[in-house]
Amino acid sequence: MNVVEIAVRFTVAWLAVGLGLFVATGSFRALHPTAAGVGRQPAWRPLYALPFVLALALLGVGLVQAIRAVPW
């Protein structure tokens, strides 16, 4: 692998990590009981659990690929 390919792979992996964190944070905030607001019944929405799990998987894959991209 040349330097450009390593840089591109590392950058793409960290973008995947950032996207995973962004989606996971939004899904976690929607799943959190206080997100329903004061005086409302906390609603656990199962549709937010799927993006949360997928975002954590994307985060894990991005971290693994970032570690594999760098030639140790």
PDB file of N, CA and C in Angstrom:
ATOM      1  N   MET A   1       0.839  -1.178   0.000  1.00  0.00           N
ATOM      2  CA  MET A   1       0.000   0.000   0.000  1.00  0.00           C
ATOM      3  C   MET A   1       0.884   1.242   0.000  1.00  0.00           C
ATOM      4  N   ASN A   2       0.483   2.205  -0.783  1.00  0.00           N
ATOM      5  CA  ASN A   2       1.229   3.456  -0.774  1.00  0.00           C
ATOM      6  C   ASN A   2       0.620   4.420   0.247  1.00  0.00           C
ATOM      7  N   VAL A   3       1.243   5.552   0.387  1.00  0.00           N
ATOM      8  CA  VAL A   3       0.849   6.515   1.416  1.00  0.00           C
ATOM      9  C   VAL A   3      -0.552   7.064   1.175  1.00  0.00           C
ATOM     10  N   VAL A   4      -0.889   7.310  -0.073  1.00  0.00           N
ATOM     11  CA  VAL A   4      -2.210   7.859  -0.387  1.00  0.00           C
ATOM     12  C   VAL A   4      -3.312   6.864  -0.028  1.00  0.00           C
ATOM     13  N   GLU A   5      -3.098   5.596  -0.354  1.00  0.00           N
ATOM     14  CA  GLU A   5      -4.102   4.584  -0.034  1.00  0.00           C
ATOM     15  C   GLU A   5      -4.281   4.438   1.476  1.00  0.00           C
ATOM     16  N   ILE A   6      -3.201   4.493   2.213  1.00  0.00           N
ATOM     17  CA  ILE A   6      -3.292   4.423   3.676  1.00  0.00           C
ATOM     18  C   ILE A   6      -4.062   5.617   4.216  1.00  0.00           C
ATOM     19  N   ALA A   7      -3.762   6.796   3.702  1.00  0.00           N
ATOM     20  CA  ALA A   7      -4.443   8.011   4.169  1.00  0.00           C
ATOM     21  C   ALA A   7      -5.936   7.961   3.850  1.00  0.00           C
ATOM     22  N   VAL A   8      -6.284   7.492   2.667  1.00  0.00           N
ATOM     23  CA  VAL A   8      -7.694   7.410   2.285  1.00  0.00           C
ATOM     24  C   VAL A   8      -8.430   6.389   3.146  1.00  0.00           C
ATOM     25  N   ARG A   9      -7.832   5.230   3.346  1.00  0.00           N
ATOM     26  CA  ARG A   9      -8.479   4.206   4.187  1.00  0.00           C
ATOM     27  C   ARG A   9      -8.653   4.691   5.626  1.00  0.00           C
ATOM     28  N   PHE A  10      -7.636   5.345   6.151  1.00  0.00           N
ATOM     29  CA  PHE A  10      -7.713   5.843   7.515  1.00  0.00           C
ATOM     30  C   PHE A  10      -8.785   6.929   7.637  1.00  0.00           C
ATOM     31  N   THR A  11      -8.840   7.820   6.652  1.00  0.00           N
ATOM     32  CA  THR A  11      -9.832   8.893   6.670  1.00  0.00           C
ATOM     33  C   THR A  11     -11.249   8.337   6.564  1.00  0.00           C
ATOM     34  N   VAL A  12     -11.460   7.384   5.682  1.00  0.00           N
ATOM     35  CA  VAL A  12     -12.786   6.781   5.531  1.00  0.00           C
ATOM     36  C   VAL A  12     -13.184   6.048   6.802  1.00  0.00           C
ATOM     37  N   ALA A  13     -12.244   5.371   7.427  1.00  0.00           N
ATOM     38  CA  ALA A  13     -12.549   4.660   8.670  1.00  0.00           C
ATOM     39  C   ALA A  13     -12.953   5.641   9.766  1.00  0.00           C
ATOM     40  N   TRP A  14     -12.250   6.768   9.886  1.00  0.00           N
ATOM     41  CA  TRP A  14     -12.607   7.734  10.915  1.00  0.00           C
ATOM     42  C   TRP A  14     -13.901   8.462  10.598  1.00  0.00           C
ATOM     43  N   LEU A  15     -14.218   8.631   9.313  1.00  0.00           N
ATOM     44  CA  LEU A  15     -15.525   9.179   8.952  1.00  0.00           C
ATOM     45  C   LEU A  15     -16.641   8.218   9.348  1.00  0.00           C
ATOM     46  N   ALA A  16     -16.404   6.922   9.202  1.00  0.00           N
ATOM     47  CA  ALA A  16     -17.380   5.922   9.644  1.00  0.00           C
ATOM     48  C   ALA A  16     -17.557   5.980  11.157  1.00  0.00           C
ATOM     49  N   VAL A  17     -16.462   6.172  11.879  1.00  0.00           N
ATOM     50  CA  VAL A  17     -16.552   6.303  13.337  1.00  0.00           C
ATOM     51  C   VAL A  17     -17.372   7.547  13.701  1.00  0.00           C
ATOM     52  N   GLY A  18     -17.105   8.648  13.036  1.00  0.00           N
ATOM     53  CA  GLY A  18     -17.846   9.880  13.315  1.00  0.00           C
ATOM     54  C   GLY A  18     -19.319   9.749  12.991  1.00  0.00           C
ATOM     55  N   LEU A  19     -19.642   9.120  11.865  1.00  0.00           N
ATOM     56  CA  LEU A  19     -21.045   8.908  11.511  1.00  0.00           C
ATOM     57  C   LEU A  19     -21.721   7.989  12.513  1.00  0.00           C
ATOM     58  N   GLY A  20     -21.018   6.950  12.936  1.00  0.00           N
ATOM     59  CA  GLY A  20     -21.581   6.047  13.945  1.00  0.00           C
ATOM     60  C   GLY A  20     -21.859   6.760  15.253  1.00  0.00           C
ATOM     61  N   LEU A  21     -20.931   7.618  15.678  1.00  0.00           N
ATOM     62  CA  LEU A  21     -21.148   8.378  16.910  1.00  0.00           C
ATOM     63  C   LEU A  21     -22.314   9.348  16.766  1.00  0.00           C
ATOM     64  N   PHE A  22     -22.414   9.994  15.614  1.00  0.00           N
ATOM     65  CA  PHE A  22     -23.486  10.954  15.375  1.00  0.00           C
ATOM     66  C   PHE A  22     -24.854  10.282  15.430  1.00  0.00           C
ATOM     67  N   VAL A  23     -25.004   9.166  14.732  1.00  0.00           N
ATOM     68  CA  VAL A  23     -26.279   8.459  14.699  1.00  0.00           C
ATOM     69  C   VAL A  23     -26.588   7.839  16.059  1.00  0.00           C
ATOM     70  N   ALA A  24     -25.577   7.262  16.707  1.00  0.00           N
ATOM     71  CA  ALA A  24     -25.807   6.640  18.016  1.00  0.00           C
ATOM     72  C   ALA A  24     -26.222   7.675  19.049  1.00  0.00           C
ATOM     73  N   THR A  25     -25.619   8.845  19.003  1.00  0.00           N
ATOM     74  CA  THR A  25     -25.985   9.891  19.958  1.00  0.00           C
ATOM     75  C   THR A  25     -27.429  10.338  19.747  1.00  0.00           C
ATOM     76  N   GLY A  26     -27.821  10.532  18.496  1.00  0.00           N
ATOM     77  CA  GLY A  26     -29.200  10.934  18.220  1.00  0.00           C
ATOM     78  C   GLY A  26     -30.198   9.869  18.627  1.00  0.00           C
ATOM     79  N   SER A  27     -29.886   8.614  18.350  1.00  0.00           N
ATOM     80  CA  SER A  27     -30.793   7.529  18.733  1.00  0.00           C
ATOM     81  C   SER A  27     -30.851   7.372  20.244  1.00  0.00           C
ATOM     82  N   PHE A  28     -29.704   7.527  20.905  1.00  0.00           N
ATOM     83  CA  PHE A  28     -29.694   7.406  22.366  1.00  0.00           C
ATOM     84  C   PHE A  28     -30.516   8.519  23.005  1.00  0.00           C
ATOM     85  N   ARG A  29     -30.400   9.729  22.478  1.00  0.00           N
ATOM     86  CA  ARG A  29     -31.194  10.836  23.020  1.00  0.00           C
ATOM     87  C   ARG A  29     -32.678  10.592  22.826  1.00  0.00           C
ATOM     88  N   ALA A  30     -33.066   9.976  21.698  1.00  0.00           N
ATOM     89  CA  ALA A  30     -34.475   9.675  21.457  1.00  0.00           C
ATOM     90  C   ALA A  30     -34.962   8.539  22.356  1.00  0.00           C
ATOM     91  N   LEU A  31     -34.064   7.612  22.702  1.00  0.00           N
ATOM     92  CA  LEU A  31     -34.446   6.496  23.568  1.00  0.00           C
ATOM     93  C   LEU A  31     -34.472   6.877  25.042  1.00  0.00           C
ATOM     94  N   HIS A  32     -33.757   7.929  25.398  1.00  0.00           N
ATOM     95  CA  HIS A  32     -33.641   8.306  26.804  1.00  0.00           C
ATOM     96  C   HIS A  32     -34.992   8.782  27.327  1.00  0.00           C
ATOM     97  N   PRO A  33     -35.350   8.401  28.551  1.00  0.00           N
ATOM     98  CA  PRO A  33     -36.670   8.756  29.086  1.00  0.00           C
ATOM     99  C   PRO A  33     -36.903  10.264  29.205  1.00  0.00           C
ATOM    100  N   THR A  34     -35.886  11.035  29.436  1.00  0.00           N
ATOM    101  CA  THR A  34     -36.104  12.469  29.595  1.00  0.00           C
ATOM    102  C   THR A  34     -36.301  13.177  28.259  1.00  0.00           C
ATOM    103  N   ALA A  35     -36.100  12.483  27.155  1.00  0.00           N
ATOM    104  CA  ALA A  35     -36.300  13.097  25.842  1.00  0.00           C
ATOM    105  C   ALA A  35     -37.778  13.319  25.552  1.00  0.00           C
ATOM    106  N   ALA A  36     -38.651  12.641  26.301  1.00  0.00           N
ATOM    107  CA  ALA A  36     -40.087  12.799  26.082  1.00  0.00           C
ATOM    108  C   ALA A  36     -40.582  14.150  26.582  1.00  0.00           C
ATOM    109  N   GLY A  37     -39.819  14.796  27.442  1.00  0.00           N
ATOM    110  CA  GLY A  37     -40.221  16.105  27.949  1.00  0.00           C
ATOM    111  C   GLY A  37     -40.792  16.003  29.356  1.00  0.00           C
ATOM    112  N   VAL A  38     -40.914  17.155  29.984  1.00  0.00           N
ATOM    113  CA  VAL A  38     -41.429  17.205  31.352  1.00  0.00           C
ATOM    114  C   VAL A  38     -42.942  17.026  31.317  1.00  0.00           C
ATOM    115  N   GLY A  39     -43.434  16.155  32.166  1.00  0.00           N
ATOM    116  CA  GLY A  39     -44.862  15.932  32.276  1.00  0.00           C
ATOM    117  C   GLY A  39     -45.421  14.939  31.267  1.00  0.00           C
ATOM    118  N   ARG A  40     -44.597  14.470  30.372  1.00  0.00           N
ATOM    119  CA  ARG A  40     -45.057  13.479  29.410  1.00  0.00           C
ATOM    120  C   ARG A  40     -44.694  12.083  29.873  1.00  0.00           C
ATOM    121  N   GLN A  41     -45.444  11.150  29.366  1.00  0.00           N
ATOM    122  CA  GLN A  41     -45.126   9.752  29.629  1.00  0.00           C
ATOM    123  C   GLN A  41     -43.905   9.380  28.785  1.00  0.00           C
ATOM    124  N   PRO A  42     -42.824   8.878  29.402  1.00  0.00           N
ATOM    125  CA  PRO A  42     -41.659   8.502  28.593  1.00  0.00           C
ATOM    126  C   PRO A  42     -42.007   7.371  27.625  1.00  0.00           C
ATOM    127  N   ALA A  43     -41.791   7.628  26.377  1.00  0.00           N
ATOM    128  CA  ALA A  43     -42.134   6.647  25.344  1.00  0.00           C
ATOM    129  C   ALA A  43     -40.865   6.003  24.826  1.00  0.00           C
ATOM    130  N   TRP A  44     -40.783   4.695  24.969  1.00  0.00           N
ATOM    131  CA  TRP A  44     -39.645   3.971  24.413  1.00  0.00           C
ATOM    132  C   TRP A  44     -40.041   3.569  23.021  1.00  0.00           C
ATOM    133  N   ARG A  45     -39.359   4.106  22.062  1.00  0.00           N
ATOM    134  CA  ARG A  45     -39.692   3.834  20.668  1.00  0.00           C
ATOM    135  C   ARG A  45     -38.744   2.780  20.118  1.00  0.00           C
ATOM    136  N   PRO A  46     -39.263   1.618  19.785  1.00  0.00           N
ATOM    137  CA  PRO A  46     -38.392   0.536  19.309  1.00  0.00           C
ATOM    138  C   PRO A  46     -37.719   0.854  17.972  1.00  0.00           C
ATOM    139  N   LEU A  47     -38.270   1.764  17.207  1.00  0.00           N
ATOM    140  CA  LEU A  47     -37.653   2.098  15.929  1.00  0.00           C
ATOM    141  C   LEU A  47     -36.324   2.826  16.108  1.00  0.00           C
ATOM    142  N   TYR A  48     -36.092   3.421  17.265  1.00  0.00           N
ATOM    143  CA  TYR A  48     -34.822   4.086  17.521  1.00  0.00           C
ATOM    144  C   TYR A  48     -33.747   3.102  17.984  1.00  0.00           C
ATOM    145  N   ALA A  49     -34.141   1.917  18.385  1.00  0.00           N
ATOM    146  CA  ALA A  49     -33.159   0.926  18.839  1.00  0.00           C
ATOM    147  C   ALA A  49     -32.357   0.357  17.669  1.00  0.00           C
ATOM    148  N   LEU A  50     -32.992   0.176  16.531  1.00  0.00           N
ATOM    149  CA  LEU A  50     -32.296  -0.370  15.365  1.00  0.00           C
ATOM    150  C   LEU A  50     -31.185   0.555  14.873  1.00  0.00           C
ATOM    151  N   PRO A  51     -31.439   1.862  14.680  1.00  0.00           N
ATOM    152  CA  PRO A  51     -30.320   2.739  14.284  1.00  0.00           C
ATOM    153  C   PRO A  51     -29.227   2.805  15.339  1.00  0.00           C
ATOM    154  N   PHE A  52     -29.597   2.689  16.609  1.00  0.00           N
ATOM    155  CA  PHE A  52     -28.600   2.724  17.670  1.00  0.00           C
ATOM    156  C   PHE A  52     -27.665   1.523  17.572  1.00  0.00           C
ATOM    157  N   VAL A  53     -28.222   0.351  17.361  1.00  0.00           N
ATOM    158  CA  VAL A  53     -27.411  -0.864  17.240  1.00  0.00           C
ATOM    159  C   VAL A  53     -26.564  -0.822  15.966  1.00  0.00           C
ATOM    160  N   LEU A  54     -27.163  -0.380  14.866  1.00  0.00           N
ATOM    161  CA  LEU A  54     -26.409  -0.265  13.617  1.00  0.00           C
ATOM    162  C   LEU A  54     -25.293   0.767  13.726  1.00  0.00           C
ATOM    163  N   ALA A  55     -25.547   1.865  14.427  1.00  0.00           N
ATOM    164  CA  ALA A  55     -24.513   2.889  14.607  1.00  0.00           C
ATOM    165  C   ALA A  55     -23.363   2.359  15.456  1.00  0.00           C
ATOM    166  N   LEU A  56     -23.667   1.581  16.479  1.00  0.00           N
ATOM    167  CA  LEU A  56     -22.600   0.985  17.282  1.00  0.00           C
ATOM    168  C   LEU A  56     -21.791  -0.011  16.462  1.00  0.00           C
ATOM    169  N   ALA A  57     -22.455  -0.748  15.578  1.00  0.00           N
ATOM    170  CA  ALA A  57     -21.736  -1.672  14.699  1.00  0.00           C
ATOM    171  C   ALA A  57     -20.839  -0.896  13.731  1.00  0.00           C
ATOM    172  N   LEU A  58     -21.348   0.204  13.182  1.00  0.00           N
ATOM    173  CA  LEU A  58     -20.553   1.037  12.288  1.00  0.00           C
ATOM    174  C   LEU A  58     -19.363   1.639  13.021  1.00  0.00           C
ATOM    175  N   LEU A  59     -19.570   2.025  14.253  1.00  0.00           N
ATOM    176  CA  LEU A  59     -18.492   2.552  15.080  1.00  0.00           C
ATOM    177  C   LEU A  59     -17.411   1.495  15.293  1.00  0.00           C
ATOM    178  N   GLY A  60     -17.812   0.288  15.603  1.00  0.00           N
ATOM    179  CA  GLY A  60     -16.844  -0.794  15.808  1.00  0.00           C
ATOM    180  C   GLY A  60     -16.080  -1.147  14.549  1.00  0.00           C
ATOM    181  N   VAL A  61     -16.784  -1.231  13.434  1.00  0.00           N
ATOM    182  CA  VAL A  61     -16.119  -1.546  12.167  1.00  0.00           C
ATOM    183  C   VAL A  61     -15.159  -0.432  11.781  1.00  0.00           C
ATOM    184  N   GLY A  62     -15.550   0.811  11.993  1.00  0.00           N
ATOM    185  CA  GLY A  62     -14.673   1.936  11.687  1.00  0.00           C
ATOM    186  C   GLY A  62     -13.408   1.924  12.519  1.00  0.00           C
ATOM    187  N   LEU A  63     -13.533   1.604  13.793  1.00  0.00           N
ATOM    188  CA  LEU A  63     -12.351   1.533  14.655  1.00  0.00           C
ATOM    189  C   LEU A  63     -11.412   0.409  14.227  1.00  0.00           C
ATOM    190  N   VAL A  64     -11.981  -0.737  13.905  1.00  0.00           N
ATOM    191  CA  VAL A  64     -11.149  -1.863  13.462  1.00  0.00           C
ATOM    192  C   VAL A  64     -10.451  -1.524  12.152  1.00  0.00           C
ATOM    193  N   GLN A  65     -11.167  -0.911  11.223  1.00  0.00           N
ATOM    194  CA  GLN A  65     -10.558  -0.560   9.940  1.00  0.00           C
ATOM    195  C   GLN A  65      -9.508   0.535  10.095  1.00  0.00           C
ATOM    196  N   ALA A  66      -9.686   1.451  11.024  1.00  0.00           N
ATOM    197  CA  ALA A  66      -8.680   2.478  11.269  1.00  0.00           C
ATOM    198  C   ALA A  66      -7.391   1.857  11.810  1.00  0.00           C
ATOM    199  N   ILE A  67      -7.539   0.874  12.669  1.00  0.00           N
ATOM    200  CA  ILE A  67      -6.361   0.195  13.210  1.00  0.00           C
ATOM    201  C   ILE A  67      -5.685  -0.640  12.110  1.00  0.00           C
ATOM    202  N   ARG A  68      -6.479  -1.283  11.259  1.00  0.00           N
ATOM    203  CA  ARG A  68      -5.894  -2.101  10.186  1.00  0.00           C
ATOM    204  C   ARG A  68      -5.280  -1.270   9.080  1.00  0.00           C
ATOM    205  N   ALA A  69      -5.707  -0.022   8.923  1.00  0.00           N
ATOM    206  CA  ALA A  69      -5.209   0.817   7.823  1.00  0.00           C
ATOM    207  C   ALA A  69      -3.772   1.272   8.058  1.00  0.00           C
ATOM    208  N   VAL A  70      -3.406   1.432   9.320  1.00  0.00           N
ATOM    209  CA  VAL A  70      -2.068   1.925   9.629  1.00  0.00           C
ATOM    210  C   VAL A  70      -1.093   0.746   9.627  1.00  0.00           C
ATOM    211  N   PRO A  71      -0.040   0.825   8.827  1.00  0.00           N
ATOM    212  CA  PRO A  71       0.936  -0.274   8.820  1.00  0.00           C
ATOM    213  C   PRO A  71       1.850  -0.208  10.054  1.00  0.00           C
ATOM    214  N   TRP A  72       1.544  -1.009  11.024  1.00  0.00           N
ATOM    215  CA  TRP A  72       2.323  -0.993  12.272  1.00  0.00           C
ATOM    216  C   TRP A  72       3.605  -1.683  11.995  1.00  0.00           C
TER     217      TRP A  72
END
